[in-house]
Amino acid sequence: MDELLEHHHFQPLVGKTVQFKGTSYAMPLSKVIVGEKFIASAKREPFILIFRAPKTGEYMPEGFYECAFEDGPTYQIYVAPTHTPEPEWQDYQAIFN
């Protein structure tokens, strides 16, 4: 994909389930966190995607995944688990600088 992904691509996908192809993991996109540009000439505002799944004894390992959004597009995204202290869920993030 030649298009630079930006937060507005993902805002309408919040709440949609994402299937991480090649795995048994599927979870909703919980939120999009938008930051400020570090320098004025940056090509995009930085943002973070947060995916949330029920906590189990296993974690989806960090890496590149083909992420198919429910009723939407599929993007190749680098996703990593994050420290999630809440006992009921596990968060994963994708960071775009």
N, C-alpha and C. Protein backbone atom coordinates (compact mmCIF):
# COMPACT_ATOMS: atom_id res chain seq x y z
N MET A 1 0.84 -1.17 0.00
CA MET A 1 0.00 0.00 0.00
C MET A 1 0.89 1.23 0.00
N ASP A 2 0.66 2.15 -0.94
CA ASP A 2 1.46 3.35 -1.06
C ASP A 2 0.90 4.50 -0.24
N GLU A 3 -0.35 4.42 0.16
CA GLU A 3 -0.98 5.48 0.93
C GLU A 3 -0.46 5.47 2.37
N LEU A 4 -0.14 6.66 2.87
CA LEU A 4 0.30 6.79 4.26
C LEU A 4 -0.91 6.68 5.16
N LEU A 5 -0.91 5.70 6.05
CA LEU A 5 -2.04 5.52 6.96
C LEU A 5 -2.05 6.63 8.00
N GLU A 6 -3.24 7.18 8.23
CA GLU A 6 -3.41 8.24 9.20
C GLU A 6 -4.56 7.89 10.14
N HIS A 7 -4.66 8.62 11.23
CA HIS A 7 -5.67 8.28 12.24
C HIS A 7 -7.08 8.30 11.68
N HIS A 8 -7.35 9.16 10.71
CA HIS A 8 -8.72 9.22 10.16
C HIS A 8 -9.11 7.94 9.41
N HIS A 9 -8.14 7.15 8.99
CA HIS A 9 -8.45 5.85 8.38
C HIS A 9 -9.07 4.89 9.40
N PHE A 10 -8.68 5.05 10.67
CA PHE A 10 -9.08 4.10 11.71
C PHE A 10 -10.23 4.59 12.60
N GLN A 11 -10.46 5.89 12.67
CA GLN A 11 -11.52 6.41 13.54
C GLN A 11 -12.87 5.72 13.29
N PRO A 12 -13.31 5.53 12.03
CA PRO A 12 -14.61 4.87 11.82
C PRO A 12 -14.60 3.38 12.14
N LEU A 13 -13.43 2.81 12.40
CA LEU A 13 -13.30 1.38 12.68
C LEU A 13 -13.30 1.05 14.17
N VAL A 14 -13.34 2.08 15.03
CA VAL A 14 -13.38 1.84 16.47
C VAL A 14 -14.64 1.05 16.81
N GLY A 15 -14.45 -0.02 17.58
CA GLY A 15 -15.55 -0.92 17.95
C GLY A 15 -15.70 -2.10 17.02
N LYS A 16 -15.07 -2.05 15.85
CA LYS A 16 -15.13 -3.16 14.89
C LYS A 16 -14.13 -4.25 15.30
N THR A 17 -14.50 -5.48 15.04
CA THR A 17 -13.62 -6.61 15.35
C THR A 17 -12.55 -6.74 14.27
N VAL A 18 -11.35 -7.02 14.71
CA VAL A 18 -10.21 -7.20 13.82
C VAL A 18 -9.76 -8.65 13.91
N GLN A 19 -9.66 -9.32 12.77
CA GLN A 19 -9.13 -10.68 12.71
C GLN A 19 -7.66 -10.58 12.33
N PHE A 20 -6.80 -11.14 13.14
CA PHE A 20 -5.37 -11.15 12.88
C PHE A 20 -5.07 -12.43 12.11
N LYS A 21 -4.97 -12.30 10.81
CA LYS A 21 -4.87 -13.47 9.93
C LYS A 21 -3.68 -14.34 10.29
N GLY A 22 -3.89 -15.64 10.19
CA GLY A 22 -2.87 -16.62 10.54
C GLY A 22 -2.85 -16.95 12.02
N THR A 23 -3.77 -16.33 12.78
CA THR A 23 -3.86 -16.62 14.22
C THR A 23 -5.32 -16.90 14.57
N SER A 24 -5.54 -17.29 15.80
CA SER A 24 -6.91 -17.47 16.29
C SER A 24 -7.41 -16.20 16.98
N TYR A 25 -6.63 -15.14 16.95
CA TYR A 25 -6.97 -13.91 17.65
C TYR A 25 -7.88 -13.01 16.83
N ALA A 26 -8.93 -12.54 17.49
CA ALA A 26 -9.83 -11.53 16.94
C ALA A 26 -10.25 -10.66 18.12
N MET A 27 -10.17 -9.36 17.94
CA MET A 27 -10.52 -8.44 19.04
C MET A 27 -10.92 -7.10 18.44
N PRO A 28 -11.68 -6.32 19.20
CA PRO A 28 -12.09 -5.02 18.68
C PRO A 28 -10.97 -3.98 18.77
N LEU A 29 -11.05 -3.03 17.84
CA LEU A 29 -10.24 -1.83 17.96
C LEU A 29 -10.92 -0.98 19.03
N SER A 30 -10.27 -0.81 20.15
CA SER A 30 -10.86 -0.14 21.31
C SER A 30 -10.84 1.38 21.17
N LYS A 31 -9.69 1.92 20.73
CA LYS A 31 -9.61 3.37 20.57
C LYS A 31 -8.42 3.77 19.72
N VAL A 32 -8.47 5.01 19.27
CA VAL A 32 -7.39 5.62 18.52
C VAL A 32 -6.94 6.83 19.33
N ILE A 33 -5.67 6.87 19.68
CA ILE A 33 -5.11 7.98 20.45
C ILE A 33 -4.26 8.82 19.51
N VAL A 34 -4.62 10.08 19.35
CA VAL A 34 -3.92 10.97 18.42
C VAL A 34 -3.00 11.89 19.21
N GLY A 35 -1.77 11.99 18.75
CA GLY A 35 -0.80 12.88 19.37
C GLY A 35 -0.57 14.12 18.52
N GLU A 36 0.41 14.90 18.92
CA GLU A 36 0.78 16.09 18.18
C GLU A 36 2.05 15.83 17.39
N LYS A 37 2.19 16.52 16.26
CA LYS A 37 3.40 16.39 15.47
C LYS A 37 4.59 16.85 16.29
N PHE A 38 5.68 16.11 16.20
CA PHE A 38 6.90 16.47 16.90
C PHE A 38 7.61 17.62 16.19
N ILE A 39 7.52 17.59 14.87
CA ILE A 39 8.08 18.67 14.06
C ILE A 39 7.05 19.05 13.00
N ALA A 40 7.02 20.31 12.64
CA ALA A 40 5.99 20.81 11.72
C ALA A 40 6.03 20.12 10.37
N SER A 41 7.19 19.67 9.93
CA SER A 41 7.31 19.06 8.61
C SER A 41 6.94 17.57 8.58
N ALA A 42 6.55 17.01 9.73
CA ALA A 42 6.18 15.58 9.77
C ALA A 42 5.03 15.32 8.80
N LYS A 43 5.03 14.16 8.20
CA LYS A 43 4.01 13.82 7.20
C LYS A 43 2.65 13.52 7.79
N ARG A 44 2.60 13.18 9.09
CA ARG A 44 1.32 12.89 9.73
C ARG A 44 1.42 13.12 11.23
N GLU A 45 0.25 13.25 11.85
CA GLU A 45 0.20 13.31 13.30
C GLU A 45 0.43 11.89 13.81
N PRO A 46 1.24 11.71 14.85
CA PRO A 46 1.42 10.37 15.39
C PRO A 46 0.13 9.90 16.04
N PHE A 47 -0.07 8.58 16.01
CA PHE A 47 -1.26 8.01 16.66
C PHE A 47 -0.98 6.58 17.07
N ILE A 48 -1.83 6.10 18.00
CA ILE A 48 -1.72 4.74 18.52
C ILE A 48 -3.08 4.08 18.40
N LEU A 49 -3.08 2.84 17.93
CA LEU A 49 -4.29 2.03 17.91
C LEU A 49 -4.23 1.12 19.14
N ILE A 50 -5.34 1.03 19.86
CA ILE A 50 -5.42 0.13 21.01
C ILE A 50 -6.48 -0.93 20.71
N PHE A 51 -6.05 -2.18 20.75
CA PHE A 51 -6.94 -3.34 20.59
C PHE A 51 -7.10 -3.96 21.97
N ARG A 52 -8.29 -4.47 22.27
CA ARG A 52 -8.53 -5.03 23.60
C ARG A 52 -9.16 -6.42 23.48
N ALA A 53 -8.58 -7.38 24.21
CA ALA A 53 -9.06 -8.76 24.21
C ALA A 53 -9.23 -9.24 25.65
N PRO A 54 -10.09 -10.22 25.86
CA PRO A 54 -10.16 -10.81 27.20
C PRO A 54 -8.80 -11.42 27.56
N LYS A 55 -8.44 -11.28 28.83
CA LYS A 55 -7.15 -11.83 29.27
C LYS A 55 -7.26 -13.34 29.41
N THR A 56 -6.32 -14.03 28.82
CA THR A 56 -6.21 -15.49 28.92
C THR A 56 -4.78 -15.80 29.34
N GLY A 57 -4.43 -17.04 29.40
CA GLY A 57 -3.07 -17.42 29.76
C GLY A 57 -2.07 -17.25 28.64
N GLU A 58 -2.54 -16.91 27.44
CA GLU A 58 -1.65 -16.76 26.29
C GLU A 58 -1.77 -15.36 25.71
N TYR A 59 -0.70 -14.92 25.06
CA TYR A 59 -0.68 -13.61 24.42
C TYR A 59 -0.37 -13.76 22.96
N MET A 60 -0.92 -12.88 22.15
CA MET A 60 -0.54 -12.83 20.75
C MET A 60 0.85 -12.19 20.71
N PRO A 61 1.83 -12.87 20.11
CA PRO A 61 3.18 -12.31 20.08
C PRO A 61 3.24 -11.05 19.22
N GLU A 62 4.17 -10.17 19.55
CA GLU A 62 4.31 -8.97 18.73
C GLU A 62 4.84 -9.34 17.36
N GLY A 63 4.44 -8.55 16.37
CA GLY A 63 4.89 -8.77 15.01
C GLY A 63 3.96 -8.13 14.00
N PHE A 64 4.30 -8.32 12.72
CA PHE A 64 3.46 -7.82 11.64
C PHE A 64 2.31 -8.78 11.42
N TYR A 65 1.11 -8.23 11.31
CA TYR A 65 -0.09 -9.02 11.08
C TYR A 65 -0.91 -8.39 9.98
N GLU A 66 -1.53 -9.25 9.20
CA GLU A 66 -2.55 -8.80 8.26
C GLU A 66 -3.82 -8.68 9.08
N CYS A 67 -4.27 -7.45 9.27
CA CYS A 67 -5.40 -7.14 10.15
C CYS A 67 -6.64 -6.85 9.31
N ALA A 68 -7.59 -7.77 9.34
CA ALA A 68 -8.82 -7.62 8.57
C ALA A 68 -9.91 -7.05 9.48
N PHE A 69 -10.32 -5.83 9.20
CA PHE A 69 -11.35 -5.17 10.00
C PHE A 69 -12.73 -5.61 9.53
N GLU A 70 -13.59 -5.88 10.48
CA GLU A 70 -14.97 -6.29 10.21
C GLU A 70 -15.64 -5.28 9.28
N ASP A 71 -16.19 -5.80 8.17
CA ASP A 71 -16.86 -4.96 7.17
C ASP A 71 -15.99 -3.80 6.69
N GLY A 72 -14.69 -4.02 6.65
CA GLY A 72 -13.81 -2.92 6.27
C GLY A 72 -12.54 -3.40 5.60
N PRO A 73 -11.53 -2.57 5.63
CA PRO A 73 -10.28 -2.86 4.94
C PRO A 73 -9.39 -3.85 5.69
N THR A 74 -8.33 -4.24 5.03
CA THR A 74 -7.28 -5.07 5.63
C THR A 74 -5.98 -4.29 5.50
N TYR A 75 -5.27 -4.18 6.62
CA TYR A 75 -3.99 -3.47 6.64
C TYR A 75 -2.92 -4.38 7.25
N GLN A 76 -1.69 -4.21 6.80
CA GLN A 76 -0.53 -4.89 7.39
C GLN A 76 -0.02 -3.96 8.49
N ILE A 77 -0.09 -4.42 9.76
CA ILE A 77 0.22 -3.56 10.90
C ILE A 77 1.13 -4.32 11.87
N TYR A 78 2.08 -3.59 12.47
CA TYR A 78 2.92 -4.16 13.52
C TYR A 78 2.19 -3.95 14.84
N VAL A 79 1.87 -5.04 15.54
CA VAL A 79 1.09 -5.01 16.77
C VAL A 79 1.90 -5.65 17.89
N ALA A 80 1.81 -5.05 19.09
CA ALA A 80 2.54 -5.58 20.24
C ALA A 80 1.64 -5.59 21.47
N PRO A 81 1.77 -6.62 22.33
CA PRO A 81 1.04 -6.59 23.59
C PRO A 81 1.61 -5.49 24.48
N THR A 82 0.78 -4.94 25.35
CA THR A 82 1.23 -3.92 26.28
C THR A 82 0.99 -4.41 27.71
N HIS A 83 1.70 -3.80 28.63
CA HIS A 83 1.45 -4.12 30.04
C HIS A 83 0.03 -3.66 30.36
N THR A 84 -0.81 -4.58 30.77
CA THR A 84 -2.21 -4.28 31.08
C THR A 84 -2.49 -4.82 32.48
N PRO A 85 -2.51 -3.95 33.49
CA PRO A 85 -2.67 -4.43 34.86
C PRO A 85 -4.07 -4.93 35.20
N GLU A 86 -5.08 -4.50 34.46
CA GLU A 86 -6.44 -4.96 34.74
C GLU A 86 -6.53 -6.46 34.52
N PRO A 87 -7.17 -7.18 35.45
CA PRO A 87 -7.20 -8.65 35.36
C PRO A 87 -8.13 -9.20 34.28
N GLU A 88 -9.05 -8.39 33.78
CA GLU A 88 -10.04 -8.93 32.85
C GLU A 88 -9.70 -8.77 31.37
N TRP A 89 -8.75 -7.91 31.00
CA TRP A 89 -8.43 -7.76 29.59
C TRP A 89 -6.94 -7.58 29.35
N GLN A 90 -6.58 -7.78 28.09
CA GLN A 90 -5.21 -7.58 27.61
C GLN A 90 -5.26 -6.60 26.45
N ASP A 91 -4.46 -5.54 26.53
CA ASP A 91 -4.39 -4.57 25.45
C ASP A 91 -3.20 -4.87 24.54
N TYR A 92 -3.38 -4.49 23.28
CA TYR A 92 -2.34 -4.58 22.26
C TYR A 92 -2.30 -3.21 21.59
N GLN A 93 -1.13 -2.82 21.08
CA GLN A 93 -1.04 -1.51 20.45
C GLN A 93 -0.29 -1.57 19.13
N ALA A 94 -0.63 -0.61 18.29
CA ALA A 94 0.11 -0.37 17.05
C ALA A 94 0.42 1.12 17.04
N ILE A 95 1.69 1.47 16.90
CA ILE A 95 2.14 2.86 16.98
C ILE A 95 2.53 3.35 15.59
N PHE A 96 2.02 4.52 15.26
CA PHE A 96 2.32 5.16 13.98
C PHE A 96 2.95 6.52 14.27
N ASN A 97 4.24 6.69 13.95
CA ASN A 97 4.92 7.97 14.18
C ASN A 97 4.98 8.77 12.90
